Amino acid sequence: MMQVYWEKLGILGPVYRLLGAGLSNQDISKQLNVTDLMIDSCVAWLMVFLNYSNRPDLVVRAASSVAQGT
């Protein structure tokens, strides 16, 4: 299976977990010490990959996953 750019950077998991914790994109970028644009792009990719049309629905799914420990 081919890795996407975000997987190669190892950033998808941390971004997803921090989304589930309710952090804004700007807060996530500060915590991970990356640019706001990188986080914006990563969140957009997650939304497309997971088939969500808005950020709040993605956050709910991420929060549920974080609560379940997955």
PDB file of N, CA and C in Angstrom:
ATOM      1  N   MET A   1       0.840  -1.181   0.000  1.00  0.00           N
ATOM      2  CA  MET A   1       0.000   0.000   0.000  1.00  0.00           C
ATOM      3  C   MET A   1       0.887   1.247   0.000  1.00  0.00           C
ATOM      4  N   MET A   2       0.568   2.175  -0.839  1.00  0.00           N
ATOM      5  CA  MET A   2       1.358   3.394  -0.950  1.00  0.00           C
ATOM      6  C   MET A   2       1.023   4.365   0.186  1.00  0.00           C
ATOM      7  N   GLN A   3       2.049   4.896   0.812  1.00  0.00           N
ATOM      8  CA  GLN A   3       1.836   5.876   1.868  1.00  0.00           C
ATOM      9  C   GLN A   3       1.604   7.252   1.272  1.00  0.00           C
ATOM     10  N   VAL A   4       0.681   7.983   1.874  1.00  0.00           N
ATOM     11  CA  VAL A   4       0.477   9.361   1.459  1.00  0.00           C
ATOM     12  C   VAL A   4       1.504  10.231   2.162  1.00  0.00           C
ATOM     13  N   TYR A   5       1.647  11.438   1.671  1.00  0.00           N
ATOM     14  CA  TYR A   5       2.612  12.394   2.211  1.00  0.00           C
ATOM     15  C   TYR A   5       2.473  12.535   3.721  1.00  0.00           C
ATOM     16  N   TRP A   6       1.238  12.664   4.205  1.00  0.00           N
ATOM     17  CA  TRP A   6       1.026  12.888   5.642  1.00  0.00           C
ATOM     18  C   TRP A   6       1.449  11.685   6.465  1.00  0.00           C
ATOM     19  N   GLU A   7       1.259  10.484   5.939  1.00  0.00           N
ATOM     20  CA  GLU A   7       1.695   9.283   6.641  1.00  0.00           C
ATOM     21  C   GLU A   7       3.213   9.234   6.719  1.00  0.00           C
ATOM     22  N   LYS A   8       3.875   9.619   5.632  1.00  0.00           N
ATOM     23  CA  LYS A   8       5.334   9.626   5.628  1.00  0.00           C
ATOM     24  C   LYS A   8       5.889  10.579   6.678  1.00  0.00           C
ATOM     25  N   LEU A   9       5.186  11.685   6.893  1.00  0.00           N
ATOM     26  CA  LEU A   9       5.615  12.644   7.913  1.00  0.00           C
ATOM     27  C   LEU A   9       5.286  12.169   9.324  1.00  0.00           C
ATOM     28  N   GLY A  10       4.418  11.199   9.436  1.00  0.00           N
ATOM     29  CA  GLY A  10       4.011  10.707  10.752  1.00  0.00           C
ATOM     30  C   GLY A  10       3.112  11.683  11.492  1.00  0.00           C
ATOM     31  N   ILE A  11       2.362  12.479  10.746  1.00  0.00           N
ATOM     32  CA  ILE A  11       1.577  13.538  11.366  1.00  0.00           C
ATOM     33  C   ILE A  11       0.084  13.219  11.455  1.00  0.00           C
ATOM     34  N   LEU A  12      -0.393  12.244  10.702  1.00  0.00           N
ATOM     35  CA  LEU A  12      -1.828  11.965  10.697  1.00  0.00           C
ATOM     36  C   LEU A  12      -2.362  11.574  12.072  1.00  0.00           C
ATOM     37  N   GLY A  13      -1.708  10.660  12.724  1.00  0.00           N
ATOM     38  CA  GLY A  13      -2.163  10.206  14.045  1.00  0.00           C
ATOM     39  C   GLY A  13      -2.219  11.336  15.057  1.00  0.00           C
ATOM     40  N   PRO A  14      -1.121  12.075  15.222  1.00  0.00           N
ATOM     41  CA  PRO A  14      -1.155  13.183  16.178  1.00  0.00           C
ATOM     42  C   PRO A  14      -2.211  14.235  15.850  1.00  0.00           C
ATOM     43  N   VAL A  15      -2.374  14.578  14.571  1.00  0.00           N
ATOM     44  CA  VAL A  15      -3.387  15.568  14.193  1.00  0.00           C
ATOM     45  C   VAL A  15      -4.773  15.029  14.524  1.00  0.00           C
ATOM     46  N   TYR A  16      -5.025  13.794  14.186  1.00  0.00           N
ATOM     47  CA  TYR A  16      -6.327  13.179  14.445  1.00  0.00           C
ATOM     48  C   TYR A  16      -6.635  13.159  15.943  1.00  0.00           C
ATOM     49  N   ARG A  17      -5.646  12.773  16.765  1.00  0.00           N
ATOM     50  CA  ARG A  17      -5.846  12.751  18.214  1.00  0.00           C
ATOM     51  C   ARG A  17      -6.102  14.145  18.773  1.00  0.00           C
ATOM     52  N   LEU A  18      -5.356  15.136  18.287  1.00  0.00           N
ATOM     53  CA  LEU A  18      -5.538  16.502  18.780  1.00  0.00           C
ATOM     54  C   LEU A  18      -6.861  17.101  18.309  1.00  0.00           C
ATOM     55  N   LEU A  19      -7.311  16.722  17.112  1.00  0.00           N
ATOM     56  CA  LEU A  19      -8.651  17.119  16.670  1.00  0.00           C
ATOM     57  C   LEU A  19      -9.695  16.564  17.629  1.00  0.00           C
ATOM     58  N   GLY A  20      -9.524  15.305  17.987  1.00  0.00           N
ATOM     59  CA  GLY A  20     -10.454  14.654  18.914  1.00  0.00           C
ATOM     60  C   GLY A  20     -10.437  15.264  20.295  1.00  0.00           C
ATOM     61  N   ALA A  21      -9.321  15.891  20.652  1.00  0.00           N
ATOM     62  CA  ALA A  21      -9.217  16.571  21.949  1.00  0.00           C
ATOM     63  C   ALA A  21      -9.828  17.967  21.886  1.00  0.00           C
ATOM     64  N   GLY A  22     -10.282  18.373  20.689  1.00  0.00           N
ATOM     65  CA  GLY A  22     -10.967  19.651  20.546  1.00  0.00           C
ATOM     66  C   GLY A  22     -10.084  20.841  20.228  1.00  0.00           C
ATOM     67  N   LEU A  23      -8.830  20.603  19.868  1.00  0.00           N
ATOM     68  CA  LEU A  23      -7.941  21.715  19.556  1.00  0.00           C
ATOM     69  C   LEU A  23      -8.239  22.301  18.181  1.00  0.00           C
ATOM     70  N   SER A  24      -8.008  23.593  18.053  1.00  0.00           N
ATOM     71  CA  SER A  24      -8.151  24.259  16.758  1.00  0.00           C
ATOM     72  C   SER A  24      -6.950  23.910  15.889  1.00  0.00           C
ATOM     73  N   ASN A  25      -7.061  24.167  14.593  1.00  0.00           N
ATOM     74  CA  ASN A  25      -5.931  23.922  13.696  1.00  0.00           C
ATOM     75  C   ASN A  25      -4.709  24.712  14.135  1.00  0.00           C
ATOM     76  N   GLN A  26      -4.924  25.952  14.551  1.00  0.00           N
ATOM     77  CA  GLN A  26      -3.805  26.788  14.988  1.00  0.00           C
ATOM     78  C   GLN A  26      -3.151  26.212  16.247  1.00  0.00           C
ATOM     79  N   ASP A  27      -3.943  25.743  17.191  1.00  0.00           N
ATOM     80  CA  ASP A  27      -3.382  25.144  18.403  1.00  0.00           C
ATOM     81  C   ASP A  27      -2.631  23.847  18.087  1.00  0.00           C
ATOM     82  N   ILE A  28      -3.168  23.079  17.149  1.00  0.00           N
ATOM     83  CA  ILE A  28      -2.494  21.843  16.734  1.00  0.00           C
ATOM     84  C   ILE A  28      -1.146  22.176  16.110  1.00  0.00           C
ATOM     85  N   SER A  29      -1.121  23.184  15.245  1.00  0.00           N
ATOM     86  CA  SER A  29       0.150  23.544  14.589  1.00  0.00           C
ATOM     87  C   SER A  29       1.178  23.992  15.610  1.00  0.00           C
ATOM     88  N   LYS A  30       0.761  24.723  16.623  1.00  0.00           N
ATOM     89  CA  LYS A  30       1.689  25.150  17.678  1.00  0.00           C
ATOM     90  C   LYS A  30       2.204  23.959  18.472  1.00  0.00           C
ATOM     91  N   GLN A  31       1.307  23.053  18.816  1.00  0.00           N
ATOM     92  CA  GLN A  31       1.700  21.895  19.614  1.00  0.00           C
ATOM     93  C   GLN A  31       2.648  20.976  18.852  1.00  0.00           C
ATOM     94  N   LEU A  32       2.411  20.832  17.552  1.00  0.00           N
ATOM     95  CA  LEU A  32       3.257  19.932  16.753  1.00  0.00           C
ATOM     96  C   LEU A  32       4.439  20.656  16.106  1.00  0.00           C
ATOM     97  N   ASN A  33       4.486  21.968  16.301  1.00  0.00           N
ATOM     98  CA  ASN A  33       5.580  22.790  15.766  1.00  0.00           C
ATOM     99  C   ASN A  33       5.698  22.673  14.241  1.00  0.00           C
ATOM    100  N   VAL A  34       4.535  22.827  13.595  1.00  0.00           N
ATOM    101  CA  VAL A  34       4.473  22.851  12.135  1.00  0.00           C
ATOM    102  C   VAL A  34       3.629  24.055  11.730  1.00  0.00           C
ATOM    103  N   THR A  35       3.567  24.343  10.445  1.00  0.00           N
ATOM    104  CA  THR A  35       2.836  25.515   9.985  1.00  0.00           C
ATOM    105  C   THR A  35       1.326  25.289  10.040  1.00  0.00           C
ATOM    106  N   ASP A  36       0.599  26.403  10.157  1.00  0.00           N
ATOM    107  CA  ASP A  36      -0.861  26.342  10.108  1.00  0.00           C
ATOM    108  C   ASP A  36      -1.319  25.737   8.786  1.00  0.00           C
ATOM    109  N   LEU A  37      -0.651  26.101   7.703  1.00  0.00           N
ATOM    110  CA  LEU A  37      -1.015  25.591   6.383  1.00  0.00           C
ATOM    111  C   LEU A  37      -0.872  24.071   6.323  1.00  0.00           C
ATOM    112  N   MET A  38       0.155  23.532   6.951  1.00  0.00           N
ATOM    113  CA  MET A  38       0.344  22.083   6.951  1.00  0.00           C
ATOM    114  C   MET A  38      -0.832  21.401   7.667  1.00  0.00           C
ATOM    115  N   ILE A  39      -1.250  21.974   8.783  1.00  0.00           N
ATOM    116  CA  ILE A  39      -2.368  21.386   9.523  1.00  0.00           C
ATOM    117  C   ILE A  39      -3.668  21.547   8.739  1.00  0.00           C
ATOM    118  N   ASP A  40      -3.884  22.711   8.157  1.00  0.00           N
ATOM    119  CA  ASP A  40      -5.076  22.925   7.330  1.00  0.00           C
ATOM    120  C   ASP A  40      -5.155  21.884   6.222  1.00  0.00           C
ATOM    121  N   SER A  41      -4.039  21.651   5.571  1.00  0.00           N
ATOM    122  CA  SER A  41      -3.995  20.676   4.472  1.00  0.00           C
ATOM    123  C   SER A  41      -4.210  19.261   4.975  1.00  0.00           C
ATOM    124  N   CYS A  42      -3.635  18.939   6.110  1.00  0.00           N
ATOM    125  CA  CYS A  42      -3.778  17.602   6.681  1.00  0.00           C
ATOM    126  C   CYS A  42      -5.228  17.347   7.082  1.00  0.00           C
ATOM    127  N   VAL A  43      -5.856  18.329   7.717  1.00  0.00           N
ATOM    128  CA  VAL A  43      -7.259  18.188   8.114  1.00  0.00           C
ATOM    129  C   VAL A  43      -8.137  18.053   6.873  1.00  0.00           C
ATOM    130  N   ALA A  44      -7.860  18.824   5.847  1.00  0.00           N
ATOM    131  CA  ALA A  44      -8.623  18.715   4.602  1.00  0.00           C
ATOM    132  C   ALA A  44      -8.470  17.318   4.012  1.00  0.00           C
ATOM    133  N   TRP A  45      -7.266  16.764   4.041  1.00  0.00           N
ATOM    134  CA  TRP A  45      -7.039  15.419   3.516  1.00  0.00           C
ATOM    135  C   TRP A  45      -7.816  14.399   4.335  1.00  0.00           C
ATOM    136  N   LEU A  46      -7.792  14.534   5.667  1.00  0.00           N
ATOM    137  CA  LEU A  46      -8.545  13.622   6.531  1.00  0.00           C
ATOM    138  C   LEU A  46     -10.039  13.679   6.215  1.00  0.00           C
ATOM    139  N   MET A  47     -10.552  14.882   5.987  1.00  0.00           N
ATOM    140  CA  MET A  47     -11.972  15.030   5.668  1.00  0.00           C
ATOM    141  C   MET A  47     -12.323  14.309   4.375  1.00  0.00           C
ATOM    142  N   VAL A  48     -11.482  14.446   3.355  1.00  0.00           N
ATOM    143  CA  VAL A  48     -11.731  13.771   2.080  1.00  0.00           C
ATOM    144  C   VAL A  48     -11.588  12.265   2.249  1.00  0.00           C
ATOM    145  N   PHE A  49     -10.508  11.829   2.890  1.00  0.00           N
ATOM    146  CA  PHE A  49     -10.242  10.410   3.056  1.00  0.00           C
ATOM    147  C   PHE A  49     -11.346   9.714   3.847  1.00  0.00           C
ATOM    148  N   LEU A  50     -11.826  10.376   4.900  1.00  0.00           N
ATOM    149  CA  LEU A  50     -12.844   9.785   5.763  1.00  0.00           C
ATOM    150  C   LEU A  50     -14.268  10.146   5.327  1.00  0.00           C
ATOM    151  N   ASN A  51     -14.361  10.885   4.211  1.00  0.00           N
ATOM    152  CA  ASN A  51     -15.647  11.229   3.603  1.00  0.00           C
ATOM    153  C   ASN A  51     -16.529  12.103   4.509  1.00  0.00           C
ATOM    154  N   TYR A  52     -15.942  13.153   5.054  1.00  0.00           N
ATOM    155  CA  TYR A  52     -16.695  14.135   5.840  1.00  0.00           C
ATOM    156  C   TYR A  52     -16.720  15.451   5.085  1.00  0.00           C
ATOM    157  N   SER A  53     -17.869  16.126   5.144  1.00  0.00           N
ATOM    158  CA  SER A  53     -17.993  17.389   4.420  1.00  0.00           C
ATOM    159  C   SER A  53     -17.746  18.601   5.310  1.00  0.00           C
ATOM    160  N   ASN A  54     -17.628  18.373   6.630  1.00  0.00           N
ATOM    161  CA  ASN A  54     -17.354  19.501   7.511  1.00  0.00           C
ATOM    162  C   ASN A  54     -16.488  19.078   8.692  1.00  0.00           C
ATOM    163  N   ARG A  55     -15.778  20.042   9.227  1.00  0.00           N
ATOM    164  CA  ARG A  55     -14.828  19.794  10.312  1.00  0.00           C
ATOM    165  C   ARG A  55     -15.501  19.304  11.594  1.00  0.00           C
ATOM    166  N   PRO A  56     -16.659  19.885  11.996  1.00  0.00           N
ATOM    167  CA  PRO A  56     -17.282  19.398  13.240  1.00  0.00           C
ATOM    168  C   PRO A  56     -17.596  17.904  13.229  1.00  0.00           C
ATOM    169  N   ASP A  57     -18.047  17.372  12.108  1.00  0.00           N
ATOM    170  CA  ASP A  57     -18.317  15.934  12.035  1.00  0.00           C
ATOM    171  C   ASP A  57     -17.031  15.128  12.168  1.00  0.00           C
ATOM    172  N   LEU A  58     -15.957  15.612  11.560  1.00  0.00           N
ATOM    173  CA  LEU A  58     -14.662  14.945  11.688  1.00  0.00           C
ATOM    174  C   LEU A  58     -14.199  14.973  13.140  1.00  0.00           C
ATOM    175  N   VAL A  59     -14.374  16.097  13.815  1.00  0.00           N
ATOM    176  CA  VAL A  59     -13.967  16.226  15.222  1.00  0.00           C
ATOM    177  C   VAL A  59     -14.746  15.243  16.091  1.00  0.00           C
ATOM    178  N   VAL A  60     -16.047  15.095  15.828  1.00  0.00           N
ATOM    179  CA  VAL A  60     -16.860  14.145  16.596  1.00  0.00           C
ATOM    180  C   VAL A  60     -16.336  12.727  16.409  1.00  0.00           C
ATOM    181  N   ARG A  61     -16.019  12.369  15.171  1.00  0.00           N
ATOM    182  CA  ARG A  61     -15.483  11.019  14.929  1.00  0.00           C
ATOM    183  C   ARG A  61     -14.134  10.844  15.614  1.00  0.00           C
ATOM    184  N   ALA A  62     -13.275  11.846  15.510  1.00  0.00           N
ATOM    185  CA  ALA A  62     -11.951  11.764  16.137  1.00  0.00           C
ATOM    186  C   ALA A  62     -12.084  11.669  17.646  1.00  0.00           C
ATOM    187  N   ALA A  63     -12.993  12.440  18.236  1.00  0.00           N
ATOM    188  CA  ALA A  63     -13.190  12.414  19.677  1.00  0.00           C
ATOM    189  C   ALA A  63     -13.679  11.022  20.122  1.00  0.00           C
ATOM    190  N   SER A  64     -14.559  10.443  19.330  1.00  0.00           N
ATOM    191  CA  SER A  64     -15.053   9.111  19.631  1.00  0.00           C
ATOM    192  C   SER A  64     -13.925   8.088  19.569  1.00  0.00           C
ATOM    193  N   SER A  65     -13.078   8.211  18.562  1.00  0.00           N
ATOM    194  CA  SER A  65     -11.946   7.285  18.415  1.00  0.00           C
ATOM    195  C   SER A  65     -10.953   7.446  19.566  1.00  0.00           C
ATOM    196  N   VAL A  66     -10.689   8.694  19.941  1.00  0.00           N
ATOM    197  CA  VAL A  66      -9.760   8.956  21.045  1.00  0.00           C
ATOM    198  C   VAL A  66     -10.319   8.397  22.341  1.00  0.00           C
ATOM    199  N   ALA A  67     -11.619   8.573  22.571  1.00  0.00           N
ATOM    200  CA  ALA A  67     -12.257   8.069  23.793  1.00  0.00           C
ATOM    201  C   ALA A  67     -12.202   6.542  23.862  1.00  0.00           C
ATOM    202  N   GLN A  68     -12.263   5.891  22.697  1.00  0.00           N
ATOM    203  CA  GLN A  68     -12.228   4.431  22.644  1.00  0.00           C
ATOM    204  C   GLN A  68     -10.804   3.890  22.664  1.00  0.00           C
ATOM    205  N   GLY A  69      -9.839   4.800  22.542  1.00  0.00           N
ATOM    206  CA  GLY A  69      -8.445   4.379  22.544  1.00  0.00           C
ATOM    207  C   GLY A  69      -7.961   3.819  21.241  1.00  0.00           C
ATOM    208  N   THR A  70      -8.651   4.157  20.128  1.00  0.00           N
ATOM    209  CA  THR A  70      -8.228   3.647  18.818  1.00  0.00           C
ATOM    210  C   THR A  70      -7.589   4.709  17.990  1.00  0.00           C
TER     211      THR A  70
END
